[in-house]
Amino acid sequence: MFRMWGKIWKDNHLLRDIVIENNKEDTRTHKVFEALDEICYAFDLGKPIWLDSCVADFRKHSRARFTKDSFIEQIDFDYLEIQMIEED
């Protein structure tokens, strides 16, 4: 089972969250990108850009924060955070 938690934060308050599950036989990278796509679709967001700091944090902590610098359009929250809950 692969599960990823997506959260939108503003002023240190959790505004929205969602858990995405994926049972497909696929690579971890593909599952991460698919889950991020589903999170962005559920929150009606454009896909964020993976900056070097996001990649490094995700590799080290299995968690990444996408701030306004990661989005092309304006966002009305502080950051989108993704976190691995469970991996195969």
PDB file of N, CA and C in Angstrom:
ATOM      1  N   MET A   1       0.850  -1.182   0.000  1.00  0.00           N
ATOM      2  CA  MET A   1       0.000   0.000   0.000  1.00  0.00           C
ATOM      3  C   MET A   1       0.889   1.237   0.000  1.00  0.00           C
ATOM      4  N   PHE A   2       0.553   2.170  -0.833  1.00  0.00           N
ATOM      5  CA  PHE A   2       1.252   3.449  -0.932  1.00  0.00           C
ATOM      6  C   PHE A   2       0.240   4.530  -0.574  1.00  0.00           C
ATOM      7  N   ARG A   3       0.586   5.355   0.410  1.00  0.00           N
ATOM      8  CA  ARG A   3      -0.315   6.447   0.803  1.00  0.00           C
ATOM      9  C   ARG A   3       0.487   7.721   0.988  1.00  0.00           C
ATOM     10  N   MET A   4      -0.065   8.814   0.457  1.00  0.00           N
ATOM     11  CA  MET A   4       0.557  10.130   0.591  1.00  0.00           C
ATOM     12  C   MET A   4      -0.478  11.105   1.132  1.00  0.00           C
ATOM     13  N   TRP A   5      -0.035  11.959   2.034  1.00  0.00           N
ATOM     14  CA  TRP A   5      -0.896  12.946   2.679  1.00  0.00           C
ATOM     15  C   TRP A   5      -0.563  14.309   2.101  1.00  0.00           C
ATOM     16  N   GLY A   6      -1.553  14.999   1.566  1.00  0.00           N
ATOM     17  CA  GLY A   6      -1.397  16.353   1.052  1.00  0.00           C
ATOM     18  C   GLY A   6      -2.111  17.340   1.961  1.00  0.00           C
ATOM     19  N   LYS A   7      -1.414  18.449   2.298  1.00  0.00           N
ATOM     20  CA  LYS A   7      -1.985  19.416   3.242  1.00  0.00           C
ATOM     21  C   LYS A   7      -1.724  20.839   2.743  1.00  0.00           C
ATOM     22  N   ILE A   8      -2.714  21.692   2.907  1.00  0.00           N
ATOM     23  CA  ILE A   8      -2.561  23.119   2.606  1.00  0.00           C
ATOM     24  C   ILE A   8      -2.543  23.874   3.928  1.00  0.00           C
ATOM     25  N   TRP A   9      -1.503  24.699   4.110  1.00  0.00           N
ATOM     26  CA  TRP A   9      -1.301  25.455   5.350  1.00  0.00           C
ATOM     27  C   TRP A   9      -1.322  26.949   5.089  1.00  0.00           C
ATOM     28  N   LYS A  10      -1.922  27.681   6.025  1.00  0.00           N
ATOM     29  CA  LYS A  10      -1.886  29.137   5.996  1.00  0.00           C
ATOM     30  C   LYS A  10      -1.870  29.639   7.439  1.00  0.00           C
ATOM     31  N   ASP A  11      -0.922  30.508   7.754  1.00  0.00           N
ATOM     32  CA  ASP A  11      -0.777  31.071   9.106  1.00  0.00           C
ATOM     33  C   ASP A  11      -0.744  29.974  10.182  1.00  0.00           C
ATOM     34  N   ASN A  12       0.010  28.915   9.904  1.00  0.00           N
ATOM     35  CA  ASN A  12       0.167  27.776  10.819  1.00  0.00           C
ATOM     36  C   ASN A  12      -1.139  27.055  11.132  1.00  0.00           C
ATOM     37  N   HIS A  13      -2.112  27.146  10.235  1.00  0.00           N
ATOM     38  CA  HIS A  13      -3.367  26.428  10.376  1.00  0.00           C
ATOM     39  C   HIS A  13      -3.554  25.520   9.163  1.00  0.00           C
ATOM     40  N   LEU A  14      -3.985  24.311   9.429  1.00  0.00           N
ATOM     41  CA  LEU A  14      -4.289  23.366   8.368  1.00  0.00           C
ATOM     42  C   LEU A  14      -5.635  23.741   7.758  1.00  0.00           C
ATOM     43  N   LEU A  15      -5.642  24.106   6.479  1.00  0.00           N
ATOM     44  CA  LEU A  15      -6.882  24.497   5.814  1.00  0.00           C
ATOM     45  C   LEU A  15      -7.583  23.297   5.176  1.00  0.00           C
ATOM     46  N   ARG A  16      -6.821  22.478   4.471  1.00  0.00           N
ATOM     47  CA  ARG A  16      -7.389  21.316   3.781  1.00  0.00           C
ATOM     48  C   ARG A  16      -6.370  20.192   3.792  1.00  0.00           C
ATOM     49  N   ASP A  17      -6.869  18.969   3.766  1.00  0.00           N
ATOM     50  CA  ASP A  17      -5.966  17.834   3.618  1.00  0.00           C
ATOM     51  C   ASP A  17      -6.668  16.700   2.901  1.00  0.00           C
ATOM     52  N   ILE A  18      -5.866  15.796   2.370  1.00  0.00           N
ATOM     53  CA  ILE A  18      -6.374  14.649   1.634  1.00  0.00           C
ATOM     54  C   ILE A  18      -5.315  13.555   1.695  1.00  0.00           C
ATOM     55  N   VAL A  19      -5.766  12.320   1.704  1.00  0.00           N
ATOM     56  CA  VAL A  19      -4.862  11.173   1.648  1.00  0.00           C
ATOM     57  C   VAL A  19      -5.123  10.445   0.337  1.00  0.00           C
ATOM     58  N   ILE A  20      -4.050  10.207  -0.404  1.00  0.00           N
ATOM     59  CA  ILE A  20      -4.125   9.519  -1.689  1.00  0.00           C
ATOM     60  C   ILE A  20      -3.536   8.131  -1.518  1.00  0.00           C
ATOM     61  N   GLU A  21      -4.258   7.119  -1.978  1.00  0.00           N
ATOM     62  CA  GLU A  21      -3.791   5.739  -1.938  1.00  0.00           C
ATOM     63  C   GLU A  21      -3.541   5.256  -3.355  1.00  0.00           C
ATOM     64  N   ASN A  22      -2.519   4.403  -3.495  1.00  0.00           N
ATOM     65  CA  ASN A  22      -2.171   3.857  -4.800  1.00  0.00           C
ATOM     66  C   ASN A  22      -1.730   2.419  -4.603  1.00  0.00           C
ATOM     67  N   ASN A  23      -2.436   1.490  -5.218  1.00  0.00           N
ATOM     68  CA  ASN A  23      -2.113   0.070  -5.104  1.00  0.00           C
ATOM     69  C   ASN A  23      -1.496  -0.492  -6.376  1.00  0.00           C
ATOM     70  N   LYS A  24      -1.177   0.371  -7.333  1.00  0.00           N
ATOM     71  CA  LYS A  24      -0.621  -0.086  -8.610  1.00  0.00           C
ATOM     72  C   LYS A  24       0.796  -0.614  -8.416  1.00  0.00           C
ATOM     73  N   GLU A  25       1.178  -1.509  -9.295  1.00  0.00           N
ATOM     74  CA  GLU A  25       2.559  -1.975  -9.345  1.00  0.00           C
ATOM     75  C   GLU A  25       3.323  -0.997 -10.224  1.00  0.00           C
ATOM     76  N   ASP A  26       4.053  -0.103  -9.598  1.00  0.00           N
ATOM     77  CA  ASP A  26       4.777   0.936 -10.325  1.00  0.00           C
ATOM     78  C   ASP A  26       5.960   1.374  -9.468  1.00  0.00           C
ATOM     79  N   THR A  27       6.806   2.202 -10.018  1.00  0.00           N
ATOM     80  CA  THR A  27       7.953   2.693  -9.255  1.00  0.00           C
ATOM     81  C   THR A  27       7.488   3.731  -8.234  1.00  0.00           C
ATOM     82  N   ARG A  28       8.323   3.946  -7.231  1.00  0.00           N
ATOM     83  CA  ARG A  28       8.009   4.935  -6.195  1.00  0.00           C
ATOM     84  C   ARG A  28       7.867   6.320  -6.807  1.00  0.00           C
ATOM     85  N   THR A  29       8.761   6.657  -7.724  1.00  0.00           N
ATOM     86  CA  THR A  29       8.734   7.976  -8.359  1.00  0.00           C
ATOM     87  C   THR A  29       7.423   8.202  -9.091  1.00  0.00           C
ATOM     88  N   HIS A  30       6.983   7.222  -9.853  1.00  0.00           N
ATOM     89  CA  HIS A  30       5.713   7.358 -10.575  1.00  0.00           C
ATOM     90  C   HIS A  30       4.548   7.506  -9.608  1.00  0.00           C
ATOM     91  N   LYS A  31       4.579   6.751  -8.524  1.00  0.00           N
ATOM     92  CA  LYS A  31       3.502   6.844  -7.534  1.00  0.00           C
ATOM     93  C   LYS A  31       3.478   8.220  -6.869  1.00  0.00           C
ATOM     94  N   VAL A  32       4.648   8.773  -6.585  1.00  0.00           N
ATOM     95  CA  VAL A  32       4.722  10.100  -5.970  1.00  0.00           C
ATOM     96  C   VAL A  32       4.138  11.147  -6.911  1.00  0.00           C
ATOM     97  N   PHE A  33       4.548  11.121  -8.185  1.00  0.00           N
ATOM     98  CA  PHE A  33       4.039  12.102  -9.139  1.00  0.00           C
ATOM     99  C   PHE A  33       2.543  11.949  -9.380  1.00  0.00           C
ATOM    100  N   GLU A  34       2.057  10.712  -9.454  1.00  0.00           N
ATOM    101  CA  GLU A  34       0.616  10.499  -9.625  1.00  0.00           C
ATOM    102  C   GLU A  34      -0.161  11.003  -8.419  1.00  0.00           C
ATOM    103  N   ALA A  35       0.355  10.740  -7.224  1.00  0.00           N
ATOM    104  CA  ALA A  35      -0.324  11.207  -6.011  1.00  0.00           C
ATOM    105  C   ALA A  35      -0.337  12.732  -5.951  1.00  0.00           C
ATOM    106  N   LEU A  36       0.784  13.367  -6.311  1.00  0.00           N
ATOM    107  CA  LEU A  36       0.829  14.831  -6.323  1.00  0.00           C
ATOM    108  C   LEU A  36      -0.157  15.393  -7.341  1.00  0.00           C
ATOM    109  N   ASP A  37      -0.261  14.752  -8.501  1.00  0.00           N
ATOM    110  CA  ASP A  37      -1.254  15.178  -9.502  1.00  0.00           C
ATOM    111  C   ASP A  37      -2.673  15.092  -8.939  1.00  0.00           C
ATOM    112  N   GLU A  38      -2.981  13.998  -8.241  1.00  0.00           N
ATOM    113  CA  GLU A  38      -4.317  13.831  -7.660  1.00  0.00           C
ATOM    114  C   GLU A  38      -4.588  14.854  -6.560  1.00  0.00           C
ATOM    115  N   ILE A  39      -3.574  15.147  -5.762  1.00  0.00           N
ATOM    116  CA  ILE A  39      -3.714  16.155  -4.704  1.00  0.00           C
ATOM    117  C   ILE A  39      -3.999  17.520  -5.316  1.00  0.00           C
ATOM    118  N   CYS A  40      -3.239  17.881  -6.328  1.00  0.00           N
ATOM    119  CA  CYS A  40      -3.443  19.182  -6.981  1.00  0.00           C
ATOM    120  C   CYS A  40      -4.807  19.257  -7.651  1.00  0.00           C
ATOM    121  N   TYR A  41      -5.257  18.159  -8.234  1.00  0.00           N
ATOM    122  CA  TYR A  41      -6.579  18.144  -8.859  1.00  0.00           C
ATOM    123  C   TYR A  41      -7.668  18.332  -7.802  1.00  0.00           C
ATOM    124  N   ALA A  42      -7.536  17.634  -6.674  1.00  0.00           N
ATOM    125  CA  ALA A  42      -8.539  17.738  -5.603  1.00  0.00           C
ATOM    126  C   ALA A  42      -8.585  19.144  -5.018  1.00  0.00           C
ATOM    127  N   PHE A  43      -7.430  19.809  -4.937  1.00  0.00           N
ATOM    128  CA  PHE A  43      -7.363  21.157  -4.380  1.00  0.00           C
ATOM    129  C   PHE A  43      -7.504  22.245  -5.446  1.00  0.00           C
ATOM    130  N   ASP A  44      -7.709  21.852  -6.700  1.00  0.00           N
ATOM    131  CA  ASP A  44      -7.839  22.777  -7.826  1.00  0.00           C
ATOM    132  C   ASP A  44      -6.618  23.695  -7.935  1.00  0.00           C
ATOM    133  N   LEU A  45      -5.440  23.071  -7.946  1.00  0.00           N
ATOM    134  CA  LEU A  45      -4.169  23.795  -8.051  1.00  0.00           C
ATOM    135  C   LEU A  45      -3.439  23.378  -9.312  1.00  0.00           C
ATOM    136  N   GLY A  46      -2.591  24.281  -9.787  1.00  0.00           N
ATOM    137  CA  GLY A  46      -1.658  23.908 -10.836  1.00  0.00           C
ATOM    138  C   GLY A  46      -0.561  23.054 -10.228  1.00  0.00           C
ATOM    139  N   LYS A  47       0.111  22.285 -11.059  1.00  0.00           N
ATOM    140  CA  LYS A  47       1.181  21.426 -10.559  1.00  0.00           C
ATOM    141  C   LYS A  47       2.377  22.272 -10.144  1.00  0.00           C
ATOM    142  N   PRO A  48       2.913  22.011  -8.965  1.00  0.00           N
ATOM    143  CA  PRO A  48       4.080  22.777  -8.507  1.00  0.00           C
ATOM    144  C   PRO A  48       5.363  22.300  -9.185  1.00  0.00           C
ATOM    145  N   ILE A  49       6.343  23.160  -9.161  1.00  0.00           N
ATOM    146  CA  ILE A  49       7.662  22.855  -9.711  1.00  0.00           C
ATOM    147  C   ILE A  49       8.513  22.293  -8.579  1.00  0.00           C
ATOM    148  N   TRP A  50       9.208  21.195  -8.853  1.00  0.00           N
ATOM    149  CA  TRP A  50      10.088  20.576  -7.857  1.00  0.00           C
ATOM    150  C   TRP A  50      11.406  21.339  -7.833  1.00  0.00           C
ATOM    151  N   LEU A  51      11.545  22.263  -6.907  1.00  0.00           N
ATOM    152  CA  LEU A  51      12.805  22.973  -6.740  1.00  0.00           C
ATOM    153  C   LEU A  51      13.811  22.046  -6.047  1.00  0.00           C
ATOM    154  N   ASP A  52      15.087  22.373  -6.136  1.00  0.00           N
ATOM    155  CA  ASP A  52      16.129  21.532  -5.545  1.00  0.00           C
ATOM    156  C   ASP A  52      15.914  21.315  -4.052  1.00  0.00           C
ATOM    157  N   SER A  53      15.455  22.346  -3.357  1.00  0.00           N
ATOM    158  CA  SER A  53      15.218  22.210  -1.914  1.00  0.00           C
ATOM    159  C   SER A  53      14.076  21.227  -1.631  1.00  0.00           C
ATOM    160  N   CYS A  54      13.051  21.215  -2.476  1.00  0.00           N
ATOM    161  CA  CYS A  54      11.938  20.272  -2.309  1.00  0.00           C
ATOM    162  C   CYS A  54      12.410  18.833  -2.530  1.00  0.00           C
ATOM    163  N   VAL A  55      13.217  18.647  -3.558  1.00  0.00           N
ATOM    164  CA  VAL A  55      13.727  17.307  -3.866  1.00  0.00           C
ATOM    165  C   VAL A  55      14.592  16.800  -2.716  1.00  0.00           C
ATOM    166  N   ALA A  56      15.478  17.652  -2.219  1.00  0.00           N
ATOM    167  CA  ALA A  56      16.368  17.259  -1.120  1.00  0.00           C
ATOM    168  C   ALA A  56      15.575  16.913   0.138  1.00  0.00           C
ATOM    169  N   ASP A  57      14.577  17.724   0.482  1.00  0.00           N
ATOM    170  CA  ASP A  57      13.748  17.448   1.654  1.00  0.00           C
ATOM    171  C   ASP A  57      12.966  16.146   1.495  1.00  0.00           C
ATOM    172  N   PHE A  58      12.451  15.914   0.291  1.00  0.00           N
ATOM    173  CA  PHE A  58      11.663  14.707   0.073  1.00  0.00           C
ATOM    174  C   PHE A  58      12.553  13.465   0.165  1.00  0.00           C
ATOM    175  N   ARG A  59      13.729  13.546  -0.369  1.00  0.00           N
ATOM    176  CA  ARG A  59      14.650  12.396  -0.285  1.00  0.00           C
ATOM    177  C   ARG A  59      15.061  12.114   1.153  1.00  0.00           C
ATOM    178  N   LYS A  60      15.285  13.165   1.922  1.00  0.00           N
ATOM    179  CA  LYS A  60      15.780  13.003   3.285  1.00  0.00           C
ATOM    180  C   LYS A  60      14.675  12.663   4.288  1.00  0.00           C
ATOM    181  N   HIS A  61      13.536  13.336   4.177  1.00  0.00           N
ATOM    182  CA  HIS A  61      12.492  13.218   5.190  1.00  0.00           C
ATOM    183  C   HIS A  61      11.178  12.611   4.684  1.00  0.00           C
ATOM    184  N   SER A  62      11.091  12.291   3.393  1.00  0.00           N
ATOM    185  CA  SER A  62       9.841  11.830   2.774  1.00  0.00           C
ATOM    186  C   SER A  62       8.727  12.845   2.968  1.00  0.00           C
ATOM    187  N   ARG A  63       9.113  14.114   2.919  1.00  0.00           N
ATOM    188  CA  ARG A  63       8.179  15.231   3.072  1.00  0.00           C
ATOM    189  C   ARG A  63       8.715  16.404   2.255  1.00  0.00           C
ATOM    190  N   ALA A  64       7.817  17.140   1.609  1.00  0.00           N
ATOM    191  CA  ALA A  64       8.234  18.311   0.837  1.00  0.00           C
ATOM    192  C   ALA A  64       7.203  19.411   0.999  1.00  0.00           C
ATOM    193  N   ARG A  65       7.695  20.655   0.995  1.00  0.00           N
ATOM    194  CA  ARG A  65       6.821  21.825   1.061  1.00  0.00           C
ATOM    195  C   ARG A  65       6.984  22.627  -0.217  1.00  0.00           C
ATOM    196  N   PHE A  66       5.848  22.922  -0.841  1.00  0.00           N
ATOM    197  CA  PHE A  66       5.831  23.731  -2.050  1.00  0.00           C
ATOM    198  C   PHE A  66       5.284  25.112  -1.686  1.00  0.00           C
ATOM    199  N   THR A  67       6.152  26.112  -1.700  1.00  0.00           N
ATOM    200  CA  THR A  67       5.751  27.480  -1.369  1.00  0.00           C
ATOM    201  C   THR A  67       5.344  28.214  -2.640  1.00  0.00           C
ATOM    202  N   LYS A  68       5.103  29.501  -2.515  1.00  0.00           N
ATOM    203  CA  LYS A  68       4.677  30.305  -3.670  1.00  0.00           C
ATOM    204  C   LYS A  68       5.711  30.275  -4.791  1.00  0.00           C
ATOM    205  N   ASP A  69       6.982  30.047  -4.460  1.00  0.00           N
ATOM    206  CA  ASP A  69       8.030  29.977  -5.474  1.00  0.00           C
ATOM    207  C   ASP A  69       7.891  28.753  -6.368  1.00  0.00           C
ATOM    208  N   SER A  70       7.176  27.742  -5.904  1.00  0.00           N
ATOM    209  CA  SER A  70       7.008  26.505  -6.661  1.00  0.00           C
ATOM    210  C   SER A  70       5.819  26.551  -7.611  1.00  0.00           C
ATOM    211  N   PHE A  71       4.984  27.560  -7.487  1.00  0.00           N
ATOM    212  CA  PHE A  71       3.783  27.658  -8.315  1.00  0.00           C
ATOM    213  C   PHE A  71       3.906  28.807  -9.304  1.00  0.00           C
ATOM    214  N   ILE A  72       3.374  28.616 -10.477  1.00  0.00           N
ATOM    215  CA  ILE A  72       3.391  29.665 -11.497  1.00  0.00           C
ATOM    216  C   ILE A  72       2.312  30.694 -11.196  1.00  0.00           C
ATOM    217  N   GLU A  73       1.126  30.231 -10.802  1.00  0.00           N
ATOM    218  CA  GLU A  73       0.034  31.151 -10.484  1.00  0.00           C
ATOM    219  C   GLU A  73       0.099  31.576  -9.026  1.00  0.00           C
ATOM    220  N   GLN A  74      -0.641  32.609  -8.681  1.00  0.00           N
ATOM    221  CA  GLN A  74      -0.732  33.086  -7.301  1.00  0.00           C
ATOM    222  C   GLN A  74      -1.455  32.039  -6.454  1.00  0.00           C
ATOM    223  N   ILE A  75      -1.016  31.875  -5.228  1.00  0.00           N
ATOM    224  CA  ILE A  75      -1.699  30.981  -4.297  1.00  0.00           C
ATOM    225  C   ILE A  75      -2.147  31.793  -3.087  1.00  0.00           C
ATOM    226  N   ASP A  76      -3.241  31.379  -2.476  1.00  0.00           N
ATOM    227  CA  ASP A  76      -3.771  32.114  -1.318  1.00  0.00           C
ATOM    228  C   ASP A  76      -3.526  31.370  -0.006  1.00  0.00           C
ATOM    229  N   PHE A  77      -2.439  30.617   0.043  1.00  0.00           N
ATOM    230  CA  PHE A  77      -2.031  29.905   1.251  1.00  0.00           C
ATOM    231  C   PHE A  77      -0.514  29.990   1.350  1.00  0.00           C
ATOM    232  N   ASP A  78       0.043  29.542   2.469  1.00  0.00           N
ATOM    233  CA  ASP A  78       1.489  29.649   2.677  1.00  0.00           C
ATOM    234  C   ASP A  78       2.261  28.561   1.935  1.00  0.00           C
ATOM    235  N   TYR A  79       1.791  27.318   2.034  1.00  0.00           N
ATOM    236  CA  TYR A  79       2.473  26.241   1.324  1.00  0.00           C
ATOM    237  C   TYR A  79       1.607  24.994   1.239  1.00  0.00           C
ATOM    238  N   LEU A  80       1.930  24.174   0.252  1.00  0.00           N
ATOM    239  CA  LEU A  80       1.354  22.845   0.091  1.00  0.00           C
ATOM    240  C   LEU A  80       2.415  21.863   0.568  1.00  0.00           C
ATOM    241  N   GLU A  81       2.037  20.987   1.471  1.00  0.00           N
ATOM    242  CA  GLU A  81       2.979  19.996   1.989  1.00  0.00           C
ATOM    243  C   GLU A  81       2.507  18.605   1.602  1.00  0.00           C
ATOM    244  N   ILE A  82       3.446  17.782   1.128  1.00  0.00           N
ATOM    245  CA  ILE A  82       3.140  16.380   0.879  1.00  0.00           C
ATOM    246  C   ILE A  82       4.012  15.552   1.815  1.00  0.00           C
ATOM    247  N   GLN A  83       3.448  14.448   2.283  1.00  0.00           N
ATOM    248  CA  GLN A  83       4.168  13.597   3.233  1.00  0.00           C
ATOM    249  C   GLN A  83       3.818  12.151   2.963  1.00  0.00           C
ATOM    250  N   MET A  84       4.836  11.311   2.923  1.00  0.00           N
ATOM    251  CA  MET A  84       4.620   9.879   2.767  1.00  0.00           C
ATOM    252  C   MET A  84       4.076   9.327   4.084  1.00  0.00           C
ATOM    253  N   ILE A  85       3.007   8.570   4.015  1.00  0.00           N
ATOM    254  CA  ILE A  85       2.451   7.926   5.193  1.00  0.00           C
ATOM    255  C   ILE A  85       2.873   6.451   5.221  1.00  0.00           C
ATOM    256  N   GLU A  86       2.774   5.823   4.059  1.00  0.00           N
ATOM    257  CA  GLU A  86       3.051   4.384   3.983  1.00  0.00           C
ATOM    258  C   GLU A  86       3.585   4.063   2.597  1.00  0.00           C
ATOM    259  N   GLU A  87       4.576   3.207   2.568  1.00  0.00           N
ATOM    260  CA  GLU A  87       5.134   2.755   1.296  1.00  0.00           C
ATOM    261  C   GLU A  87       5.084   1.241   1.232  1.00  0.00           C
ATOM    262  N   ASP A  88       5.077   0.740   0.016  1.00  0.00           N
ATOM    263  CA  ASP A  88       5.069  -0.724  -0.200  1.00  0.00           C
ATOM    264  C   ASP A  88       6.298  -1.362   0.398  1.00  0.00           C
TER     265      ASP A  88
END
